[in-house]
C-alpha atoms as a PDB file:
ATOM      1  CA  UNK A   1      -6.568  12.446 -10.575  1.00  0.00           C
ATOM      2  CA  UNK A   2      -7.430   8.853  -9.617  1.00  0.00           C
ATOM      3  CA  UNK A   3     -10.963   7.618  -7.094  1.00  0.00           C
ATOM      4  CA  UNK A   4      -8.378   5.293  -5.877  1.00  0.00           C
ATOM      5  CA  UNK A   5     -10.460   2.318  -6.361  1.00  0.00           C
ATOM      6  CA  UNK A   6      -8.263  -0.417  -8.274  1.00  0.00           C
ATOM      7  CA  UNK A   7     -10.835  -1.710 -11.809  1.00  0.00           C
ATOM      8  CA  UNK A   8      -8.927  -5.218 -11.866  1.00  0.00           C
ATOM      9  CA  UNK A   9      -5.908  -7.221 -13.403  1.00  0.00           C
ATOM     10  CA  UNK A  10      -4.082  -7.418 -16.008  1.00  0.00           C
ATOM     11  CA  UNK A  11      -0.864  -8.966 -17.460  1.00  0.00           C
ATOM     12  CA  UNK A  12       2.324  -7.756 -18.136  1.00  0.00           C
ATOM     13  CA  UNK A  13       2.726  -9.255 -21.767  1.00  0.00           C
ATOM     14  CA  UNK A  14       6.242  -7.094 -22.430  1.00  0.00           C
ATOM     15  CA  UNK A  15       9.261  -4.837 -20.485  1.00  0.00           C
ATOM     16  CA  UNK A  16      11.875  -3.959 -22.740  1.00  0.00           C
ATOM     17  CA  UNK A  17      14.647  -2.378 -21.553  1.00  0.00           C
ATOM     18  CA  UNK A  18      15.906   0.882 -23.626  1.00  0.00           C
ATOM     19  CA  UNK A  19      18.234   4.454 -23.424  1.00  0.00           C
ATOM     20  CA  UNK A  20      16.603   6.169 -19.471  1.00  0.00           C
ATOM     21  CA  UNK A  21      13.296   4.498 -20.233  1.00  0.00           C
ATOM     22  CA  UNK A  22      11.682   0.656 -20.095  1.00  0.00           C
ATOM     23  CA  UNK A  23       8.348   0.846 -22.643  1.00  0.00           C
ATOM     24  CA  UNK A  24       6.152  -1.899 -20.671  1.00  0.00           C
ATOM     25  CA  UNK A  25       2.899  -3.447 -22.643  1.00  0.00           C
ATOM     26  CA  UNK A  26      -0.189  -4.376 -20.527  1.00  0.00           C
ATOM     27  CA  UNK A  27      -2.785  -6.960 -21.942  1.00  0.00           C
ATOM     28  CA  UNK A  28      -6.586  -5.461 -22.178  1.00  0.00           C
ATOM     29  CA  UNK A  29      -8.359  -9.093 -21.395  1.00  0.00           C
ATOM     30  CA  UNK A  30     -10.581  -7.172 -19.372  1.00  0.00           C
ATOM     31  CA  UNK A  31     -11.656  -4.707 -21.092  1.00  0.00           C
ATOM     32  CA  UNK A  32     -10.373  -1.950 -18.443  1.00  0.00           C
ATOM     33  CA  UNK A  33      -8.742  -0.332 -21.111  1.00  0.00           C
ATOM     34  CA  UNK A  34     -11.099  -0.224 -24.524  1.00  0.00           C
ATOM     35  CA  UNK A  35     -11.624   3.718 -24.258  1.00  0.00           C
ATOM     36  CA  UNK A  36      -8.373   4.689 -24.119  1.00  0.00           C
ATOM     37  CA  UNK A  37      -6.698   7.258 -26.310  1.00  0.00           C
ATOM     38  CA  UNK A  38      -2.395   7.793 -27.050  1.00  0.00           C
ATOM     39  CA  UNK A  39      -1.588  11.075 -23.562  1.00  0.00           C
ATOM     40  CA  UNK A  40      -4.495   9.091 -21.442  1.00  0.00           C
ATOM     41  CA  UNK A  41      -3.120   8.219 -17.796  1.00  0.00           C
ATOM     42  CA  UNK A  42      -3.725   5.278 -16.573  1.00  0.00           C
ATOM     43  CA  UNK A  43      -1.765   4.048 -12.524  1.00  0.00           C
ATOM     44  CA  UNK A  44      -0.325   0.257 -12.878  1.00  0.00           C
ATOM     45  CA  UNK A  45       0.639  -0.825  -9.614  1.00  0.00           C
ATOM     46  CA  UNK A  46      -0.539   2.383  -8.502  1.00  0.00           C
ATOM     47  CA  UNK A  47       2.345   4.479 -10.658  1.00  0.00           C
ATOM     48  CA  UNK A  48       0.564   7.346 -12.926  1.00  0.00           C
ATOM     49  CA  UNK A  49       1.469   6.299 -16.557  1.00  0.00           C
ATOM     50  CA  UNK A  50       0.985   7.491 -19.978  1.00  0.00           C
ATOM     51  CA  UNK A  51      -0.926   5.668 -22.942  1.00  0.00           C
ATOM     52  CA  UNK A  52       1.885   5.563 -25.483  1.00  0.00           C
ATOM     53  CA  UNK A  53       0.050   3.547 -27.902  1.00  0.00           C
ATOM     54  CA  UNK A  54      -2.765   0.724 -27.670  1.00  0.00           C
ATOM     55  CA  UNK A  55      -4.597  -2.060 -29.946  1.00  0.00           C
ATOM     56  CA  UNK A  56      -7.602  -3.805 -28.598  1.00  0.00           C
ATOM     57  CA  UNK A  57      -5.461  -6.489 -27.095  1.00  0.00           C
ATOM     58  CA  UNK A  58      -2.705  -4.616 -24.945  1.00  0.00           C
ATOM     59  CA  UNK A  59      -1.824  -1.262 -23.997  1.00  0.00           C
ATOM     60  CA  UNK A  60       2.043   0.266 -24.178  1.00  0.00           C
ATOM     61  CA  UNK A  61       3.353   2.608 -21.390  1.00  0.00           C
ATOM     62  CA  UNK A  62       6.917   4.165 -21.381  1.00  0.00           C
ATOM     63  CA  UNK A  63       8.431   4.153 -17.903  1.00  0.00           C
ATOM     64  CA  UNK A  64      11.696   6.902 -16.588  1.00  0.00           C
ATOM     65  CA  UNK A  65      14.322   5.201 -15.105  1.00  0.00           C
ATOM     66  CA  UNK A  66      13.997   7.262 -12.549  1.00  0.00           C
ATOM     67  CA  UNK A  67       9.900   5.826 -12.429  1.00  0.00           C
ATOM     68  CA  UNK A  68      10.621   2.288 -12.206  1.00  0.00           C
ATOM     69  CA  UNK A  69      13.623   2.948  -9.351  1.00  0.00           C
ATOM     70  CA  UNK A  70      10.895   5.289  -7.151  1.00  0.00           C
ATOM     71  CA  UNK A  71       8.131   2.627  -7.391  1.00  0.00           C
ATOM     72  CA  UNK A  72       7.567  -0.822  -7.667  1.00  0.00           C
ATOM     73  CA  UNK A  73       7.978  -0.835 -11.064  1.00  0.00           C
ATOM     74  CA  UNK A  74      11.137  -2.130 -11.286  1.00  0.00           C
ATOM     75  CA  UNK A  75      10.095  -5.636  -9.727  1.00  0.00           C
ATOM     76  CA  UNK A  76       8.090  -6.525 -12.499  1.00  0.00           C
ATOM     77  CA  UNK A  77       8.301  -9.662 -14.855  1.00  0.00           C
ATOM     78  CA  UNK A  78       6.273 -10.775 -18.004  1.00  0.00           C
ATOM     79  CA  UNK A  79       3.154 -12.412 -17.170  1.00  0.00           C
ATOM     80  CA  UNK A  80       3.030 -10.646 -13.481  1.00  0.00           C
ATOM     81  CA  UNK A  81      -0.323  -9.298 -13.028  1.00  0.00           C
ATOM     82  CA  UNK A  82      -0.823  -5.769 -12.267  1.00  0.00           C
ATOM     83  CA  UNK A  83      -3.819  -3.650 -11.094  1.00  0.00           C
ATOM     84  CA  UNK A  84      -5.116  -0.908 -13.480  1.00  0.00           C
ATOM     85  CA  UNK A  85      -7.293   2.324 -11.901  1.00  0.00           C
ATOM     86  CA  UNK A  86      -7.763   4.602 -14.730  1.00  0.00           C
ATOM     87  CA  UNK A  87      -8.273   7.711 -13.965  1.00  0.00           C
ATOM     88  CA  UNK A  88     -11.167   9.721 -12.792  1.00  0.00           C
ATOM     89  CA  UNK A  89     -13.262  11.417 -16.446  1.00  0.00           C
ATOM     90  CA  UNK A  90     -15.555  14.664 -15.473  1.00  0.00           C
ATOM     91  CA  UNK A  91     -19.593  13.948 -15.003  1.00  0.00           C
ATOM     92  CA  UNK A  92     -18.862  10.334 -14.366  1.00  0.00           C
ATOM     93  CA  UNK A  93     -19.131   9.087 -10.485  1.00  0.00           C
ATOM     94  CA  UNK A  94     -16.651   9.506  -8.414  1.00  0.00           C
ATOM     95  CA  UNK A  95     -16.828   5.955  -6.444  1.00  0.00           C
ATOM     96  CA  UNK A  96     -13.807   6.434  -4.407  1.00  0.00           C
ATOM     97  CA  UNK A  97     -11.025   9.494  -3.182  1.00  0.00           C
ATOM     98  CA  UNK A  98      -9.062  11.738  -5.064  1.00  0.00           C
ATOM     99  CA  UNK A  99      -5.109  10.401  -5.643  1.00  0.00           C
ATOM    100  CA  UNK A 100      -3.027  12.721  -7.868  1.00  0.00           C
ATOM    101  CA  UNK A 101      -0.932   8.929  -8.745  1.00  0.00           C
ATOM    102  CA  UNK A 102       2.109  10.135  -8.892  1.00  0.00           C
ATOM    103  CA  UNK A 103       4.620   8.557  -6.557  1.00  0.00           C
ATOM    104  CA  UNK A 104       7.222   9.864  -4.058  1.00  0.00           C
ATOM    105  CA  UNK A 105       9.438   6.877  -3.076  1.00  0.00           C
ATOM    106  CA  UNK A 106       9.509   4.438  -1.955  1.00  0.00           C
ATOM    107  CA  UNK A 107       8.644   2.359   1.616  1.00  0.00           C
ATOM    108  CA  UNK A 108       9.794  -0.935   3.216  1.00  0.00           C
ATOM    109  CA  UNK A 109       6.316  -2.325   5.147  1.00  0.00           C
ATOM    110  CA  UNK A 110       7.618  -3.422   8.656  1.00  0.00           C
ATOM    111  CA  UNK A 111       4.216  -4.065  10.357  1.00  0.00           C
ATOM    112  CA  UNK A 112       0.697  -5.400  10.200  1.00  0.00           C
ATOM    113  CA  UNK A 113      -1.829  -4.753  12.691  1.00  0.00           C
ATOM    114  CA  UNK A 114      -5.277  -5.782  13.202  1.00  0.00           C
ATOM    115  CA  UNK A 115      -7.354  -4.307  15.229  1.00  0.00           C
ATOM    116  CA  UNK A 116     -11.460  -5.528  14.539  1.00  0.00           C
ATOM    117  CA  UNK A 117     -12.468  -5.005  11.468  1.00  0.00           C
ATOM    118  CA  UNK A 118      -9.154  -2.182  10.552  1.00  0.00           C
ATOM    119  CA  UNK A 119      -5.279  -3.183   9.037  1.00  0.00           C
ATOM    120  CA  UNK A 120      -3.196  -0.433  10.046  1.00  0.00           C
ATOM    121  CA  UNK A 121       0.470  -0.181   8.373  1.00  0.00           C
ATOM    122  CA  UNK A 122       3.732   0.554   9.260  1.00  0.00           C
ATOM    123  CA  UNK A 123       5.896   2.120   6.845  1.00  0.00           C
ATOM    124  CA  UNK A 124      10.030   2.372   6.708  1.00  0.00           C
ATOM    125  CA  UNK A 125      12.728   4.456   4.322  1.00  0.00           C
ATOM    126  CA  UNK A 126      14.895   1.190   3.316  1.00  0.00           C
ATOM    127  CA  UNK A 127      17.648   3.682   3.205  1.00  0.00           C
ATOM    128  CA  UNK A 128      18.036   3.408   6.644  1.00  0.00           C
END
């Protein structure tokens, strides 16, 4: 479960293609991930991923080919910035709204409409 609040950004350090999955390494320069453990859930650019290993300076995630194909993660390159969102922890402030954090697919943004201080976004299935 996620709060919907991005803590900040980190950088892609490496992205290695394997058989059926890729391994993503991101920096921990801003210390958002100091207390992660193997198995922890972290949303990277809005996609829920599981920590597979970590060091003081970086964190690794495996991304299945299916997940990459249905999310924007397939467009990542070395040095790209990614949004980091930690999962909600019990007995801590829930400073947003609870989200499951699992990607169901990808849509194309086809319209932005600004009305006062609000922004409406129109989406379309990219297969149409």
